[in-house]
Amino acid sequence: MSKKKSETFTLIDGVFSLEDAREILMNLIHRKIQYHNIQNLSSLERRGGHDPVSQNRIKELEKTRRQILEMLEANSSDSDREVQVNSEINITFNE
């Protein structure tokens, strides 16, 4: 069997209520921020300094979180409104 060098997986694919979409997306972003906080803490303990990549990524994720919340809030006047959410992850092995 040959090894694949690249693959795409669907993580989220569905229609959700505004509240369910908010919960799914916020949980996903929260876990990513939590991961980078742990990476940053680990770097601080092991190397005596913060991880600049994780610190930058946390800022980007917090900005994305704010943008998503603003978007959902701007469309929340219709409580029965549904939201289509799709998310894929691409995994590629570098040579």
N, C-alpha and C. Protein backbone atom coordinates (compact mmCIF):
# COMPACT_ATOMS: atom_id res chain seq x y z
N MET A 1 0.84 -1.17 0.00
CA MET A 1 0.00 0.00 0.00
C MET A 1 0.89 1.24 0.00
N SER A 2 0.61 2.17 -0.92
CA SER A 2 1.42 3.38 -0.99
C SER A 2 0.95 4.40 0.04
N LYS A 3 1.89 5.17 0.54
CA LYS A 3 1.58 6.19 1.54
C LYS A 3 1.09 7.44 0.83
N LYS A 4 -0.01 7.97 1.32
CA LYS A 4 -0.52 9.22 0.77
C LYS A 4 0.27 10.37 1.34
N LYS A 5 0.55 11.37 0.51
CA LYS A 5 1.29 12.54 0.96
C LYS A 5 0.35 13.66 1.36
N SER A 6 -0.92 13.54 0.96
CA SER A 6 -1.87 14.60 1.26
C SER A 6 -3.28 14.02 1.36
N GLU A 7 -4.05 14.56 2.28
CA GLU A 7 -5.44 14.09 2.45
C GLU A 7 -6.26 15.23 3.02
N THR A 8 -7.52 15.28 2.63
CA THR A 8 -8.45 16.28 3.14
C THR A 8 -9.57 15.56 3.89
N PHE A 9 -9.89 16.07 5.07
CA PHE A 9 -10.94 15.51 5.90
C PHE A 9 -11.97 16.58 6.21
N THR A 10 -13.23 16.18 6.24
CA THR A 10 -14.30 17.10 6.61
C THR A 10 -14.51 17.02 8.11
N LEU A 11 -14.38 18.16 8.79
CA LEU A 11 -14.59 18.21 10.24
C LEU A 11 -16.01 18.63 10.58
N ILE A 12 -16.52 19.62 9.86
CA ILE A 12 -17.87 20.11 10.11
C ILE A 12 -18.55 20.24 8.76
N ASP A 13 -19.77 19.74 8.67
CA ASP A 13 -20.55 19.84 7.44
C ASP A 13 -22.01 19.71 7.81
N GLY A 14 -22.67 20.84 8.02
CA GLY A 14 -24.07 20.74 8.38
C GLY A 14 -24.75 22.08 8.50
N VAL A 15 -26.04 22.01 8.73
CA VAL A 15 -26.86 23.18 8.96
C VAL A 15 -27.24 23.18 10.44
N PHE A 16 -27.02 24.32 11.10
CA PHE A 16 -27.22 24.40 12.54
C PHE A 16 -28.04 25.64 12.89
N SER A 17 -28.64 25.58 14.07
CA SER A 17 -29.26 26.79 14.61
C SER A 17 -28.13 27.76 14.92
N LEU A 18 -28.47 29.04 15.06
CA LEU A 18 -27.45 30.04 15.41
C LEU A 18 -26.72 29.65 16.69
N GLU A 19 -27.48 29.22 17.69
CA GLU A 19 -26.88 28.87 18.98
C GLU A 19 -25.96 27.65 18.86
N ASP A 20 -26.39 26.63 18.11
CA ASP A 20 -25.55 25.45 17.94
C ASP A 20 -24.29 25.78 17.14
N ALA A 21 -24.44 26.61 16.09
CA ALA A 21 -23.27 27.02 15.30
C ALA A 21 -22.28 27.77 16.18
N ARG A 22 -22.82 28.67 17.01
CA ARG A 22 -21.97 29.43 17.93
C ARG A 22 -21.21 28.49 18.86
N GLU A 23 -21.91 27.53 19.44
CA GLU A 23 -21.28 26.60 20.38
C GLU A 23 -20.20 25.76 19.70
N ILE A 24 -20.48 25.24 18.53
CA ILE A 24 -19.51 24.41 17.81
C ILE A 24 -18.26 25.22 17.47
N LEU A 25 -18.46 26.40 16.91
CA LEU A 25 -17.33 27.21 16.47
C LEU A 25 -16.51 27.74 17.65
N MET A 26 -17.19 28.16 18.70
CA MET A 26 -16.47 28.68 19.87
C MET A 26 -15.69 27.56 20.56
N ASN A 27 -16.26 26.36 20.62
CA ASN A 27 -15.54 25.23 21.21
C ASN A 27 -14.28 24.90 20.40
N LEU A 28 -14.40 24.93 19.10
CA LEU A 28 -13.26 24.63 18.23
C LEU A 28 -12.15 25.67 18.44
N ILE A 29 -12.52 26.95 18.43
CA ILE A 29 -11.52 28.00 18.63
C ILE A 29 -10.94 27.94 20.04
N HIS A 30 -11.79 27.69 21.04
CA HIS A 30 -11.31 27.58 22.42
C HIS A 30 -10.25 26.49 22.55
N ARG A 31 -10.49 25.35 21.94
CA ARG A 31 -9.52 24.24 22.03
C ARG A 31 -8.19 24.61 21.36
N LYS A 32 -8.27 25.34 20.23
CA LYS A 32 -7.05 25.77 19.56
C LYS A 32 -6.28 26.77 20.43
N ILE A 33 -6.97 27.70 21.05
CA ILE A 33 -6.32 28.67 21.94
C ILE A 33 -5.71 27.94 23.13
N GLN A 34 -6.44 26.99 23.68
CA GLN A 34 -5.95 26.21 24.81
C GLN A 34 -4.67 25.46 24.43
N TYR A 35 -4.64 24.88 23.24
CA TYR A 35 -3.45 24.18 22.76
C TYR A 35 -2.24 25.13 22.72
N HIS A 36 -2.44 26.31 22.15
CA HIS A 36 -1.33 27.26 22.04
C HIS A 36 -0.92 27.83 23.40
N ASN A 37 -1.86 27.97 24.32
CA ASN A 37 -1.50 28.39 25.68
C ASN A 37 -0.60 27.35 26.34
N ILE A 38 -0.91 26.09 26.14
CA ILE A 38 -0.09 25.01 26.70
C ILE A 38 1.29 25.01 26.04
N GLN A 39 1.34 25.19 24.72
CA GLN A 39 2.63 25.26 24.02
C GLN A 39 3.47 26.41 24.55
N ASN A 40 2.82 27.55 24.76
CA ASN A 40 3.52 28.73 25.27
C ASN A 40 4.06 28.49 26.67
N LEU A 41 3.24 27.91 27.54
CA LEU A 41 3.67 27.60 28.91
C LEU A 41 4.82 26.60 28.91
N SER A 42 4.72 25.60 28.06
CA SER A 42 5.78 24.60 27.95
C SER A 42 7.09 25.25 27.51
N SER A 43 7.02 26.15 26.55
CA SER A 43 8.21 26.85 26.10
C SER A 43 8.80 27.71 27.21
N LEU A 44 7.94 28.35 27.97
CA LEU A 44 8.39 29.18 29.08
C LEU A 44 9.12 28.35 30.12
N GLU A 45 8.59 27.17 30.42
CA GLU A 45 9.22 26.29 31.42
C GLU A 45 10.51 25.66 30.90
N ARG A 46 10.53 25.24 29.64
CA ARG A 46 11.69 24.55 29.10
C ARG A 46 12.80 25.48 28.64
N ARG A 47 12.40 26.60 28.03
CA ARG A 47 13.40 27.48 27.43
C ARG A 47 13.54 28.82 28.14
N GLY A 48 12.64 29.07 29.10
CA GLY A 48 12.70 30.34 29.81
C GLY A 48 12.12 31.50 29.04
N GLY A 49 11.45 31.21 27.93
CA GLY A 49 10.86 32.28 27.12
C GLY A 49 9.58 31.84 26.46
N HIS A 50 8.77 32.81 26.10
CA HIS A 50 7.50 32.52 25.45
C HIS A 50 7.72 31.99 24.04
N ASP A 51 6.73 31.27 23.54
CA ASP A 51 6.74 30.77 22.17
C ASP A 51 6.09 31.82 21.28
N PRO A 52 6.87 32.54 20.47
CA PRO A 52 6.30 33.62 19.66
C PRO A 52 5.26 33.13 18.64
N VAL A 53 5.44 31.92 18.12
CA VAL A 53 4.48 31.37 17.16
C VAL A 53 3.13 31.16 17.84
N SER A 54 3.14 30.56 19.02
CA SER A 54 1.90 30.33 19.75
C SER A 54 1.25 31.64 20.19
N GLN A 55 2.08 32.59 20.64
CA GLN A 55 1.53 33.87 21.07
C GLN A 55 0.84 34.59 19.90
N ASN A 56 1.45 34.55 18.74
CA ASN A 56 0.87 35.17 17.56
C ASN A 56 -0.42 34.45 17.14
N ARG A 57 -0.38 33.13 17.20
CA ARG A 57 -1.55 32.35 16.79
C ARG A 57 -2.73 32.60 17.74
N ILE A 58 -2.46 32.76 19.02
CA ILE A 58 -3.51 33.06 19.99
C ILE A 58 -4.19 34.38 19.62
N LYS A 59 -3.39 35.39 19.28
CA LYS A 59 -3.94 36.69 18.88
C LYS A 59 -4.82 36.54 17.63
N GLU A 60 -4.35 35.77 16.66
CA GLU A 60 -5.12 35.55 15.44
C GLU A 60 -6.44 34.84 15.74
N LEU A 61 -6.37 33.82 16.59
CA LEU A 61 -7.58 33.06 16.94
C LEU A 61 -8.57 33.91 17.72
N GLU A 62 -8.07 34.77 18.61
CA GLU A 62 -8.96 35.65 19.36
C GLU A 62 -9.65 36.65 18.43
N LYS A 63 -8.92 37.14 17.43
CA LYS A 63 -9.52 38.03 16.44
C LYS A 63 -10.59 37.29 15.64
N THR A 64 -10.29 36.07 15.24
CA THR A 64 -11.26 35.26 14.50
C THR A 64 -12.50 35.01 15.35
N ARG A 65 -12.30 34.72 16.63
CA ARG A 65 -13.42 34.49 17.54
C ARG A 65 -14.33 35.72 17.59
N ARG A 66 -13.72 36.89 17.74
CA ARG A 66 -14.51 38.13 17.77
C ARG A 66 -15.29 38.34 16.48
N GLN A 67 -14.64 38.08 15.35
CA GLN A 67 -15.30 38.26 14.06
C GLN A 67 -16.48 37.31 13.89
N ILE A 68 -16.30 36.06 14.30
CA ILE A 68 -17.39 35.09 14.19
C ILE A 68 -18.55 35.48 15.10
N LEU A 69 -18.24 35.88 16.33
CA LEU A 69 -19.30 36.29 17.25
C LEU A 69 -20.05 37.51 16.72
N GLU A 70 -19.32 38.47 16.17
CA GLU A 70 -19.97 39.65 15.59
C GLU A 70 -20.88 39.27 14.43
N MET A 71 -20.41 38.37 13.59
CA MET A 71 -21.20 37.93 12.44
C MET A 71 -22.47 37.22 12.89
N LEU A 72 -22.34 36.33 13.87
CA LEU A 72 -23.51 35.61 14.36
C LEU A 72 -24.48 36.56 15.06
N GLU A 73 -23.93 37.51 15.82
CA GLU A 73 -24.77 38.47 16.53
C GLU A 73 -25.53 39.36 15.54
N ALA A 74 -24.86 39.76 14.48
CA ALA A 74 -25.49 40.62 13.47
C ALA A 74 -26.65 39.92 12.77
N ASN A 75 -26.64 38.62 12.79
CA ASN A 75 -27.69 37.84 12.12
C ASN A 75 -28.63 37.16 13.10
N SER A 76 -28.59 37.57 14.35
CA SER A 76 -29.37 36.88 15.38
C SER A 76 -30.79 37.41 15.55
N SER A 77 -31.18 38.40 14.78
CA SER A 77 -32.52 38.96 14.93
C SER A 77 -33.60 37.94 14.59
N ASP A 78 -33.30 37.01 13.73
CA ASP A 78 -34.24 35.94 13.37
C ASP A 78 -33.80 34.67 14.10
N SER A 79 -34.45 34.38 15.23
CA SER A 79 -34.01 33.26 16.07
C SER A 79 -34.16 31.90 15.39
N ASP A 80 -34.96 31.82 14.34
CA ASP A 80 -35.15 30.55 13.64
C ASP A 80 -34.17 30.38 12.47
N ARG A 81 -33.33 31.37 12.28
CA ARG A 81 -32.39 31.33 11.17
C ARG A 81 -31.39 30.20 11.37
N GLU A 82 -31.07 29.53 10.27
CA GLU A 82 -30.10 28.44 10.33
C GLU A 82 -28.79 28.88 9.66
N VAL A 83 -27.73 28.20 10.04
CA VAL A 83 -26.39 28.54 9.55
C VAL A 83 -25.74 27.30 8.95
N GLN A 84 -25.25 27.42 7.75
CA GLN A 84 -24.48 26.35 7.12
C GLN A 84 -23.03 26.52 7.54
N VAL A 85 -22.44 25.50 8.13
CA VAL A 85 -21.04 25.55 8.56
C VAL A 85 -20.30 24.37 7.92
N ASN A 86 -19.21 24.71 7.24
CA ASN A 86 -18.36 23.69 6.62
C ASN A 86 -16.92 23.95 7.04
N SER A 87 -16.21 22.91 7.38
CA SER A 87 -14.81 23.04 7.74
C SER A 87 -14.06 21.78 7.31
N GLU A 88 -12.99 22.03 6.61
CA GLU A 88 -12.12 20.91 6.20
C GLU A 88 -10.73 21.11 6.77
N ILE A 89 -10.04 20.01 6.91
CA ILE A 89 -8.64 20.07 7.33
C ILE A 89 -7.82 19.34 6.27
N ASN A 90 -6.74 19.98 5.86
CA ASN A 90 -5.85 19.39 4.86
C ASN A 90 -4.55 19.00 5.56
N ILE A 91 -4.17 17.75 5.37
CA ILE A 91 -2.92 17.25 5.96
C ILE A 91 -1.98 16.88 4.83
N THR A 92 -0.81 17.48 4.85
CA THR A 92 0.19 17.21 3.83
C THR A 92 1.51 16.90 4.50
N PHE A 93 2.13 15.82 4.10
CA PHE A 93 3.45 15.46 4.61
C PHE A 93 4.51 16.12 3.74
N ASN A 94 5.40 16.87 4.37
CA ASN A 94 6.49 17.53 3.65
C ASN A 94 7.59 16.52 3.35
N GLU A 95 8.26 16.77 2.28
CA GLU A 95 9.38 15.90 1.88
C GLU A 95 10.55 16.12 2.79
